[in-house]
Amino acid sequence: MSSPPRWAFGLLAIALAVAAAAATHRLSHFDGRPAALQDHTGGGKWLVVMIWASDCHVCNQEVKNYVAFHEAHRDKDARVLGISIDGLDGVAAARDFVRRHRVSFPNLIGSAEAVTRLYGELTGEFLPGTPTFLIFDPQGTLVAKQVGAVPVKLIEDFIRKQAATG
């Protein structure tokens, strides 16, 4: 029996590197099941994505506003999706954040590196910090991004204006 050609080991190394990069890029549900942002975009409703961290002071202060926005709009025209950068190692802290603030909108989790990579692919920019917001139109196209707390009224006004011109 002959051994595999040298180039086969090179292909194996490349395949393993690609698989490792994909694994670190992945988002998941808090229970570890794989998830994708694309599973939440489109569908005829606006999507406001809040990228947060459990130890982010502003996130802790402001999340109640986005819970209220989600509750007021989810059956009508918009919804919120949270993405925690705490990673699966920090899932206990992320769960505590959700519990403490009675967060009713769905949340995904990823490592800071994975979420930064995703943000970069979507915007062409480096993730500046938390909270950061992304807004997707009802067709699933990214139409806005904003760093820091965003007053809910501004989000509502933005959606109303976009819907009127769309």
N, C-alpha and C. Protein backbone atom coordinates (compact mmCIF):
# COMPACT_ATOMS: atom_id res chain seq x y z
N MET A 1 0.86 -1.17 0.00
CA MET A 1 0.00 0.00 0.00
C MET A 1 0.90 1.23 0.00
N SER A 2 0.62 2.16 -0.91
CA SER A 2 1.45 3.36 -0.99
C SER A 2 0.85 4.47 -0.15
N SER A 3 1.71 5.38 0.27
CA SER A 3 1.21 6.51 1.06
C SER A 3 0.63 7.58 0.13
N PRO A 4 -0.25 8.43 0.68
CA PRO A 4 -0.88 9.46 -0.15
C PRO A 4 0.17 10.44 -0.68
N PRO A 5 -0.11 11.06 -1.81
CA PRO A 5 0.85 12.05 -2.34
C PRO A 5 0.95 13.25 -1.40
N ARG A 6 2.10 13.90 -1.49
CA ARG A 6 2.35 15.07 -0.62
C ARG A 6 1.29 16.14 -0.73
N TRP A 7 0.83 16.41 -1.94
CA TRP A 7 -0.17 17.46 -2.14
C TRP A 7 -1.46 17.17 -1.38
N ALA A 8 -1.75 15.88 -1.13
CA ALA A 8 -2.97 15.53 -0.40
C ALA A 8 -2.92 16.08 1.03
N PHE A 9 -1.74 16.08 1.63
CA PHE A 9 -1.61 16.63 2.98
C PHE A 9 -1.83 18.14 2.98
N GLY A 10 -1.39 18.80 1.92
CA GLY A 10 -1.62 20.23 1.78
C GLY A 10 -3.10 20.55 1.67
N LEU A 11 -3.82 19.75 0.87
CA LEU A 11 -5.26 19.95 0.74
C LEU A 11 -5.98 19.70 2.05
N LEU A 12 -5.53 18.68 2.78
CA LEU A 12 -6.13 18.39 4.08
C LEU A 12 -5.91 19.55 5.04
N ALA A 13 -4.71 20.12 5.04
CA ALA A 13 -4.41 21.25 5.92
C ALA A 13 -5.28 22.46 5.58
N ILE A 14 -5.46 22.69 4.28
CA ILE A 14 -6.31 23.81 3.86
C ILE A 14 -7.76 23.57 4.28
N ALA A 15 -8.25 22.36 4.08
CA ALA A 15 -9.63 22.02 4.46
C ALA A 15 -9.84 22.20 5.95
N LEU A 16 -8.88 21.77 6.75
CA LEU A 16 -8.99 21.92 8.21
C LEU A 16 -8.97 23.39 8.61
N ALA A 17 -8.15 24.20 7.96
CA ALA A 17 -8.08 25.63 8.27
C ALA A 17 -9.40 26.32 7.92
N VAL A 18 -9.98 25.97 6.77
CA VAL A 18 -11.26 26.55 6.37
C VAL A 18 -12.36 26.15 7.35
N ALA A 19 -12.38 24.88 7.76
CA ALA A 19 -13.38 24.41 8.72
C ALA A 19 -13.23 25.12 10.06
N ALA A 20 -12.00 25.32 10.51
CA ALA A 20 -11.77 26.02 11.78
C ALA A 20 -12.23 27.47 11.69
N ALA A 21 -11.95 28.13 10.57
CA ALA A 21 -12.39 29.52 10.39
C ALA A 21 -13.90 29.61 10.37
N ALA A 22 -14.55 28.67 9.69
CA ALA A 22 -16.02 28.67 9.63
C ALA A 22 -16.61 28.44 11.02
N ALA A 23 -15.99 27.58 11.80
CA ALA A 23 -16.50 27.28 13.14
C ALA A 23 -16.41 28.51 14.04
N THR A 24 -15.35 29.29 13.92
CA THR A 24 -15.22 30.47 14.77
C THR A 24 -16.11 31.61 14.29
N HIS A 25 -16.56 31.54 13.04
CA HIS A 25 -17.40 32.58 12.47
C HIS A 25 -18.87 32.35 12.80
N ARG A 26 -19.19 31.18 13.21
CA ARG A 26 -20.58 30.78 13.40
C ARG A 26 -21.22 31.42 14.62
N LEU A 27 -22.49 31.73 14.47
CA LEU A 27 -23.33 32.13 15.60
C LEU A 27 -24.06 30.89 16.07
N SER A 28 -24.56 30.95 17.29
CA SER A 28 -25.36 29.82 17.78
C SER A 28 -26.45 30.34 18.70
N HIS A 29 -27.38 29.44 18.97
CA HIS A 29 -28.37 29.69 20.01
C HIS A 29 -27.64 29.50 21.34
N PHE A 30 -28.24 29.94 22.42
CA PHE A 30 -27.58 29.83 23.73
C PHE A 30 -27.33 28.38 24.13
N ASP A 31 -28.06 27.45 23.54
CA ASP A 31 -27.85 26.04 23.86
C ASP A 31 -26.78 25.39 22.98
N GLY A 32 -26.14 26.19 22.12
CA GLY A 32 -25.05 25.68 21.30
C GLY A 32 -25.45 25.25 19.90
N ARG A 33 -26.75 25.18 19.61
CA ARG A 33 -27.19 24.82 18.26
C ARG A 33 -26.77 25.91 17.28
N PRO A 34 -26.24 25.54 16.12
CA PRO A 34 -25.82 26.53 15.13
C PRO A 34 -26.99 27.42 14.70
N ALA A 35 -26.67 28.67 14.40
CA ALA A 35 -27.67 29.64 13.96
C ALA A 35 -27.02 30.56 12.94
N ALA A 36 -27.85 31.24 12.18
CA ALA A 36 -27.35 32.19 11.18
C ALA A 36 -28.21 33.44 11.21
N LEU A 37 -27.60 34.57 11.03
CA LEU A 37 -28.32 35.84 10.96
C LEU A 37 -29.35 35.80 9.84
N GLN A 38 -29.00 35.18 8.72
CA GLN A 38 -29.89 35.12 7.56
C GLN A 38 -31.21 34.41 7.88
N ASP A 39 -31.22 33.58 8.90
CA ASP A 39 -32.46 32.92 9.29
C ASP A 39 -33.48 33.90 9.87
N HIS A 40 -33.04 35.11 10.20
CA HIS A 40 -33.90 36.09 10.85
C HIS A 40 -34.21 37.30 9.98
N THR A 41 -33.48 37.47 8.87
CA THR A 41 -33.70 38.63 8.00
C THR A 41 -34.77 38.32 6.97
N GLY A 42 -35.31 39.37 6.37
CA GLY A 42 -36.34 39.20 5.35
C GLY A 42 -37.67 38.82 5.98
N GLY A 43 -38.45 38.12 5.25
CA GLY A 43 -39.74 37.67 5.78
C GLY A 43 -40.78 38.77 5.87
N GLY A 44 -40.54 39.91 5.22
CA GLY A 44 -41.55 40.95 5.18
C GLY A 44 -41.58 41.91 6.36
N LYS A 45 -40.64 41.77 7.30
CA LYS A 45 -40.58 42.69 8.45
C LYS A 45 -39.17 43.27 8.57
N TRP A 46 -39.12 44.46 9.12
CA TRP A 46 -37.84 45.09 9.44
C TRP A 46 -37.20 44.29 10.57
N LEU A 47 -35.88 44.23 10.56
CA LEU A 47 -35.15 43.57 11.64
C LEU A 47 -34.12 44.54 12.20
N VAL A 48 -34.22 44.78 13.50
CA VAL A 48 -33.24 45.59 14.21
C VAL A 48 -32.37 44.62 14.99
N VAL A 49 -31.09 44.60 14.66
CA VAL A 49 -30.14 43.71 15.34
C VAL A 49 -29.37 44.53 16.36
N MET A 50 -29.41 44.09 17.60
CA MET A 50 -28.65 44.72 18.68
C MET A 50 -27.48 43.81 19.02
N ILE A 51 -26.26 44.27 18.74
CA ILE A 51 -25.06 43.53 19.13
C ILE A 51 -24.70 44.01 20.52
N TRP A 52 -24.63 43.09 21.48
CA TRP A 52 -24.46 43.46 22.88
C TRP A 52 -23.48 42.54 23.59
N ALA A 53 -23.11 42.97 24.79
CA ALA A 53 -22.28 42.17 25.69
C ALA A 53 -22.87 42.28 27.09
N SER A 54 -22.81 41.20 27.84
CA SER A 54 -23.42 41.20 29.17
C SER A 54 -22.78 42.21 30.11
N ASP A 55 -21.50 42.53 29.89
CA ASP A 55 -20.81 43.47 30.77
C ASP A 55 -20.77 44.90 30.22
N CYS A 56 -21.53 45.16 29.16
CA CYS A 56 -21.59 46.49 28.55
C CYS A 56 -22.56 47.35 29.36
N HIS A 57 -22.05 48.43 29.94
CA HIS A 57 -22.87 49.31 30.77
C HIS A 57 -24.05 49.89 29.99
N VAL A 58 -23.77 50.40 28.79
CA VAL A 58 -24.83 51.01 27.98
C VAL A 58 -25.87 49.95 27.57
N CYS A 59 -25.41 48.75 27.23
CA CYS A 59 -26.34 47.67 26.87
C CYS A 59 -27.29 47.39 28.03
N ASN A 60 -26.74 47.30 29.22
CA ASN A 60 -27.55 47.04 30.41
C ASN A 60 -28.54 48.17 30.68
N GLN A 61 -28.14 49.38 30.42
CA GLN A 61 -29.02 50.53 30.64
C GLN A 61 -30.13 50.62 29.61
N GLU A 62 -29.83 50.32 28.36
CA GLU A 62 -30.73 50.62 27.25
C GLU A 62 -31.58 49.46 26.75
N VAL A 63 -31.27 48.24 27.13
CA VAL A 63 -31.96 47.09 26.54
C VAL A 63 -33.47 47.14 26.75
N LYS A 64 -33.90 47.73 27.85
CA LYS A 64 -35.35 47.80 28.11
C LYS A 64 -36.08 48.55 27.00
N ASN A 65 -35.42 49.55 26.40
CA ASN A 65 -36.04 50.31 25.32
C ASN A 65 -36.26 49.44 24.08
N TYR A 66 -35.33 48.53 23.81
CA TYR A 66 -35.44 47.68 22.62
C TYR A 66 -36.41 46.53 22.87
N VAL A 67 -36.54 46.13 24.13
CA VAL A 67 -37.57 45.15 24.49
C VAL A 67 -38.94 45.78 24.22
N ALA A 68 -39.12 47.02 24.65
CA ALA A 68 -40.39 47.72 24.43
C ALA A 68 -40.66 47.89 22.94
N PHE A 69 -39.63 48.24 22.17
CA PHE A 69 -39.78 48.37 20.71
C PHE A 69 -40.22 47.04 20.11
N HIS A 70 -39.55 45.96 20.50
CA HIS A 70 -39.88 44.63 19.98
C HIS A 70 -41.34 44.27 20.30
N GLU A 71 -41.73 44.50 21.54
CA GLU A 71 -43.10 44.17 21.94
C GLU A 71 -44.13 44.99 21.17
N ALA A 72 -43.82 46.26 20.92
CA ALA A 72 -44.77 47.14 20.22
C ALA A 72 -44.87 46.84 18.72
N HIS A 73 -43.81 46.26 18.13
CA HIS A 73 -43.77 46.11 16.67
C HIS A 73 -43.76 44.68 16.16
N ARG A 74 -43.47 43.71 16.98
CA ARG A 74 -43.22 42.35 16.47
C ARG A 74 -44.40 41.74 15.73
N ASP A 75 -45.61 42.09 16.09
CA ASP A 75 -46.77 41.55 15.40
C ASP A 75 -47.20 42.44 14.22
N LYS A 76 -46.46 43.52 14.00
CA LYS A 76 -46.83 44.47 12.94
C LYS A 76 -45.77 44.52 11.85
N ASP A 77 -44.72 45.31 12.10
CA ASP A 77 -43.81 45.64 11.02
C ASP A 77 -42.32 45.41 11.29
N ALA A 78 -41.95 45.14 12.53
CA ALA A 78 -40.52 45.03 12.86
C ALA A 78 -40.32 44.13 14.06
N ARG A 79 -39.09 43.67 14.18
CA ARG A 79 -38.72 42.86 15.34
C ARG A 79 -37.26 43.11 15.66
N VAL A 80 -36.85 42.63 16.82
CA VAL A 80 -35.47 42.81 17.28
C VAL A 80 -34.83 41.43 17.41
N LEU A 81 -33.56 41.36 17.09
CA LEU A 81 -32.74 40.17 17.31
C LEU A 81 -31.49 40.63 18.03
N GLY A 82 -31.17 39.99 19.15
CA GLY A 82 -29.94 40.30 19.85
C GLY A 82 -28.84 39.34 19.45
N ILE A 83 -27.62 39.85 19.40
CA ILE A 83 -26.44 39.01 19.19
C ILE A 83 -25.44 39.36 20.28
N SER A 84 -25.23 38.42 21.18
CA SER A 84 -24.27 38.61 22.27
C SER A 84 -22.87 38.25 21.79
N ILE A 85 -21.89 39.05 22.19
CA ILE A 85 -20.50 38.75 21.86
C ILE A 85 -19.80 38.03 23.01
N ASP A 86 -20.59 37.53 23.97
CA ASP A 86 -20.01 36.85 25.13
C ASP A 86 -19.42 35.48 24.78
N GLY A 87 -19.80 34.90 23.66
CA GLY A 87 -19.30 33.59 23.26
C GLY A 87 -19.86 32.49 24.15
N LEU A 88 -19.73 31.26 23.70
CA LEU A 88 -20.29 30.15 24.46
C LEU A 88 -19.63 30.00 25.83
N ASP A 89 -18.39 30.48 25.96
CA ASP A 89 -17.74 30.45 27.29
C ASP A 89 -18.44 31.40 28.26
N GLY A 90 -19.11 32.42 27.72
CA GLY A 90 -19.80 33.40 28.56
C GLY A 90 -21.31 33.26 28.50
N VAL A 91 -21.79 32.11 28.09
CA VAL A 91 -23.23 31.94 27.91
C VAL A 91 -24.00 32.11 29.22
N ALA A 92 -23.40 31.76 30.36
CA ALA A 92 -24.10 31.94 31.64
C ALA A 92 -24.34 33.43 31.91
N ALA A 93 -23.35 34.26 31.62
CA ALA A 93 -23.52 35.70 31.81
C ALA A 93 -24.54 36.26 30.82
N ALA A 94 -24.54 35.75 29.60
CA ALA A 94 -25.51 36.21 28.60
C ALA A 94 -26.93 35.80 29.01
N ARG A 95 -27.08 34.58 29.49
CA ARG A 95 -28.41 34.14 29.96
C ARG A 95 -28.88 35.00 31.13
N ASP A 96 -27.96 35.34 32.03
CA ASP A 96 -28.32 36.17 33.17
C ASP A 96 -28.77 37.56 32.69
N PHE A 97 -28.09 38.12 31.71
CA PHE A 97 -28.47 39.41 31.12
C PHE A 97 -29.91 39.34 30.61
N VAL A 98 -30.22 38.30 29.83
CA VAL A 98 -31.55 38.13 29.26
C VAL A 98 -32.60 37.98 30.37
N ARG A 99 -32.28 37.18 31.38
CA ARG A 99 -33.21 36.95 32.49
C ARG A 99 -33.44 38.23 33.29
N ARG A 100 -32.34 38.89 33.67
CA ARG A 100 -32.42 40.09 34.50
C ARG A 100 -33.23 41.20 33.85
N HIS A 101 -33.05 41.35 32.55
CA HIS A 101 -33.72 42.44 31.84
C HIS A 101 -35.02 42.00 31.16
N ARG A 102 -35.41 40.75 31.41
CA ARG A 102 -36.66 40.22 30.82
C ARG A 102 -36.70 40.46 29.32
N VAL A 103 -35.62 40.11 28.65
CA VAL A 103 -35.50 40.30 27.21
C VAL A 103 -36.42 39.30 26.51
N SER A 104 -37.37 39.82 25.76
CA SER A 104 -38.35 38.96 25.09
C SER A 104 -38.00 38.68 23.63
N PHE A 105 -37.06 39.42 23.08
CA PHE A 105 -36.68 39.15 21.69
C PHE A 105 -35.64 38.04 21.64
N PRO A 106 -35.58 37.32 20.51
CA PRO A 106 -34.62 36.21 20.39
C PRO A 106 -33.19 36.72 20.42
N ASN A 107 -32.28 35.86 20.89
CA ASN A 107 -30.87 36.21 20.97
C ASN A 107 -30.02 35.06 20.48
N LEU A 108 -28.96 35.43 19.79
CA LEU A 108 -27.93 34.48 19.36
C LEU A 108 -26.66 34.86 20.08
N ILE A 109 -25.65 34.00 20.01
CA ILE A 109 -24.39 34.28 20.69
C ILE A 109 -23.24 33.84 19.79
N GLY A 110 -22.15 34.56 19.90
CA GLY A 110 -20.93 34.23 19.17
C GLY A 110 -19.76 34.83 19.89
N SER A 111 -18.59 34.37 19.57
CA SER A 111 -17.40 34.98 20.16
C SER A 111 -17.25 36.39 19.62
N ALA A 112 -16.52 37.22 20.32
CA ALA A 112 -16.28 38.59 19.85
C ALA A 112 -15.63 38.56 18.46
N GLU A 113 -14.72 37.60 18.25
CA GLU A 113 -14.05 37.48 16.96
C GLU A 113 -15.04 37.11 15.86
N ALA A 114 -15.92 36.17 16.13
CA ALA A 114 -16.89 35.73 15.13
C ALA A 114 -17.86 36.86 14.78
N VAL A 115 -18.34 37.57 15.77
CA VAL A 115 -19.30 38.65 15.52
C VAL A 115 -18.60 39.81 14.81
N THR A 116 -17.36 40.08 15.18
CA THR A 116 -16.58 41.12 14.49
C THR A 116 -16.39 40.75 13.02
N ARG A 117 -16.09 39.51 12.74
CA ARG A 117 -15.91 39.04 11.37
C ARG A 117 -17.24 39.18 10.59
N LEU A 118 -18.34 38.79 11.20
CA LEU A 118 -19.64 38.91 10.55
C LEU A 118 -19.96 40.38 10.27
N TYR A 119 -19.74 41.24 11.25
CA TYR A 119 -19.98 42.67 11.08
C TYR A 119 -19.14 43.22 9.93
N GLY A 120 -17.89 42.80 9.87
CA GLY A 120 -17.00 43.24 8.80
C GLY A 120 -17.49 42.79 7.43
N GLU A 121 -17.99 41.57 7.34
CA GLU A 121 -18.52 41.08 6.07
C GLU A 121 -19.76 41.86 5.65
N LEU A 122 -20.57 42.25 6.62
CA LEU A 122 -21.80 42.98 6.31
C LEU A 122 -21.56 44.44 5.98
N THR A 123 -20.59 45.07 6.66
CA THR A 123 -20.42 46.52 6.55
C THR A 123 -19.10 46.95 5.93
N GLY A 124 -18.12 46.06 5.88
CA GLY A 124 -16.80 46.45 5.41
C GLY A 124 -16.00 47.20 6.46
N GLU A 125 -16.50 47.19 7.69
CA GLU A 125 -15.85 47.94 8.78
C GLU A 125 -15.58 47.02 9.97
N PHE A 126 -14.76 47.50 10.87
CA PHE A 126 -14.46 46.79 12.11
C PHE A 126 -15.57 47.08 13.12
N LEU A 127 -16.00 46.08 13.87
CA LEU A 127 -17.02 46.29 14.91
C LEU A 127 -16.47 47.25 15.95
N PRO A 128 -17.10 48.42 16.10
CA PRO A 128 -16.54 49.44 16.99
C PRO A 128 -16.80 49.23 18.48
N GLY A 129 -17.77 48.43 18.83
CA GLY A 129 -18.07 48.21 20.25
C GLY A 129 -19.54 47.87 20.43
N THR A 130 -19.93 47.81 21.69
CA THR A 130 -21.32 47.49 21.99
C THR A 130 -21.94 48.64 22.79
N PRO A 131 -23.22 48.86 22.62
CA PRO A 131 -24.07 48.22 21.64
C PRO A 131 -23.82 48.79 20.25
N THR A 132 -24.06 47.97 19.26
CA THR A 132 -24.06 48.39 17.86
C THR A 132 -25.34 47.84 17.24
N PHE A 133 -25.93 48.63 16.37
CA PHE A 133 -27.20 48.26 15.76
C PHE A 133 -27.07 48.14 14.25
N LEU A 134 -27.74 47.15 13.72
CA LEU A 134 -27.88 46.95 12.29
C LEU A 134 -29.38 46.93 11.99
N ILE A 135 -29.78 47.55 10.90
CA ILE A 135 -31.19 47.52 10.51
C ILE A 135 -31.29 46.94 9.11
N PHE A 136 -32.11 45.90 9.01
CA PHE A 136 -32.37 45.23 7.74
C PHE A 136 -33.79 45.53 7.30
N ASP A 137 -33.96 45.82 6.01
CA ASP A 137 -35.31 46.09 5.50
C ASP A 137 -36.11 44.78 5.39
N PRO A 138 -37.38 44.87 5.06
CA PRO A 138 -38.22 43.66 5.02
C PRO A 138 -37.76 42.60 4.01
N GLN A 139 -36.93 42.99 3.04
CA GLN A 139 -36.40 42.02 2.08
C GLN A 139 -35.10 41.38 2.56
N GLY A 140 -34.56 41.88 3.69
CA GLY A 140 -33.34 41.31 4.25
C GLY A 140 -32.07 42.04 3.87
N THR A 141 -32.18 43.24 3.33
CA THR A 141 -31.02 44.03 2.94
C THR A 141 -30.60 44.94 4.09
N LEU A 142 -29.32 44.95 4.40
CA LEU A 142 -28.80 45.87 5.42
C LEU A 142 -28.93 47.29 4.90
N VAL A 143 -29.63 48.15 5.65
CA VAL A 143 -29.86 49.52 5.20
C VAL A 143 -29.30 50.57 6.16
N ALA A 144 -28.91 50.17 7.38
CA ALA A 144 -28.37 51.15 8.33
C ALA A 144 -27.56 50.44 9.40
N LYS A 145 -26.62 51.20 9.96
CA LYS A 145 -25.82 50.72 11.09
C LYS A 145 -25.55 51.90 12.00
N GLN A 146 -25.45 51.64 13.28
CA GLN A 146 -25.21 52.72 14.25
C GLN A 146 -24.55 52.15 15.48
N VAL A 147 -23.55 52.85 15.97
CA VAL A 147 -22.87 52.48 17.20
C VAL A 147 -23.47 53.26 18.35
N GLY A 148 -23.62 52.62 19.50
CA GLY A 148 -24.12 53.28 20.68
C GLY A 148 -25.63 53.18 20.79
N ALA A 149 -26.13 53.66 21.89
CA ALA A 149 -27.58 53.64 22.12
C ALA A 149 -28.28 54.47 21.07
N VAL A 150 -29.35 53.92 20.53
CA VAL A 150 -30.14 54.63 19.53
C VAL A 150 -31.55 54.78 20.08
N PRO A 151 -32.03 56.01 20.21
CA PRO A 151 -33.39 56.18 20.70
C PRO A 151 -34.39 55.43 19.81
N VAL A 152 -35.31 54.74 20.43
CA VAL A 152 -36.31 53.96 19.70
C VAL A 152 -37.09 54.84 18.73
N LYS A 153 -37.38 56.07 19.11
CA LYS A 153 -38.11 56.99 18.23
C LYS A 153 -37.35 57.19 16.92
N LEU A 154 -36.02 57.27 16.98
CA LEU A 154 -35.23 57.41 15.75
C LEU A 154 -35.36 56.18 14.87
N ILE A 155 -35.36 55.00 15.48
CA ILE A 155 -35.53 53.77 14.71
C ILE A 155 -36.92 53.76 14.06
N GLU A 156 -37.93 54.09 14.82
CA GLU A 156 -39.29 54.13 14.28
C GLU A 156 -39.42 55.15 13.15
N ASP A 157 -38.83 56.34 13.33
CA ASP A 157 -38.88 57.37 12.29
C ASP A 157 -38.14 56.90 11.04
N PHE A 158 -36.98 56.27 11.23
CA PHE A 158 -36.20 55.76 10.11
C PHE A 158 -37.01 54.74 9.31
N ILE A 159 -37.61 53.79 10.00
CA ILE A 159 -38.40 52.75 9.34
C ILE A 159 -39.59 53.38 8.61
N ARG A 160 -40.25 54.31 9.25
CA ARG A 160 -41.41 54.97 8.63
C ARG A 160 -40.99 55.69 7.35
N LYS A 161 -39.87 56.43 7.41
CA LYS A 161 -39.40 57.17 6.22
C LYS A 161 -38.97 56.23 5.11
N GLN A 162 -38.26 55.17 5.48
CA GLN A 162 -37.82 54.20 4.47
C GLN A 162 -39.01 53.50 3.82
N ALA A 163 -39.99 53.15 4.62
CA ALA A 163 -41.18 52.48 4.10
C ALA A 163 -41.96 53.40 3.16
N ALA A 164 -41.99 54.70 3.48
CA ALA A 164 -42.72 55.66 2.66
C ALA A 164 -42.02 55.89 1.32
N THR A 165 -40.69 55.81 1.29
CA THR A 165 -39.96 56.06 0.04
C THR A 165 -39.70 54.76 -0.73
N GLY A 166 -39.91 53.60 -0.07
CA GLY A 166 -39.61 52.31 -0.70
C GLY A 166 -40.71 51.88 -1.55
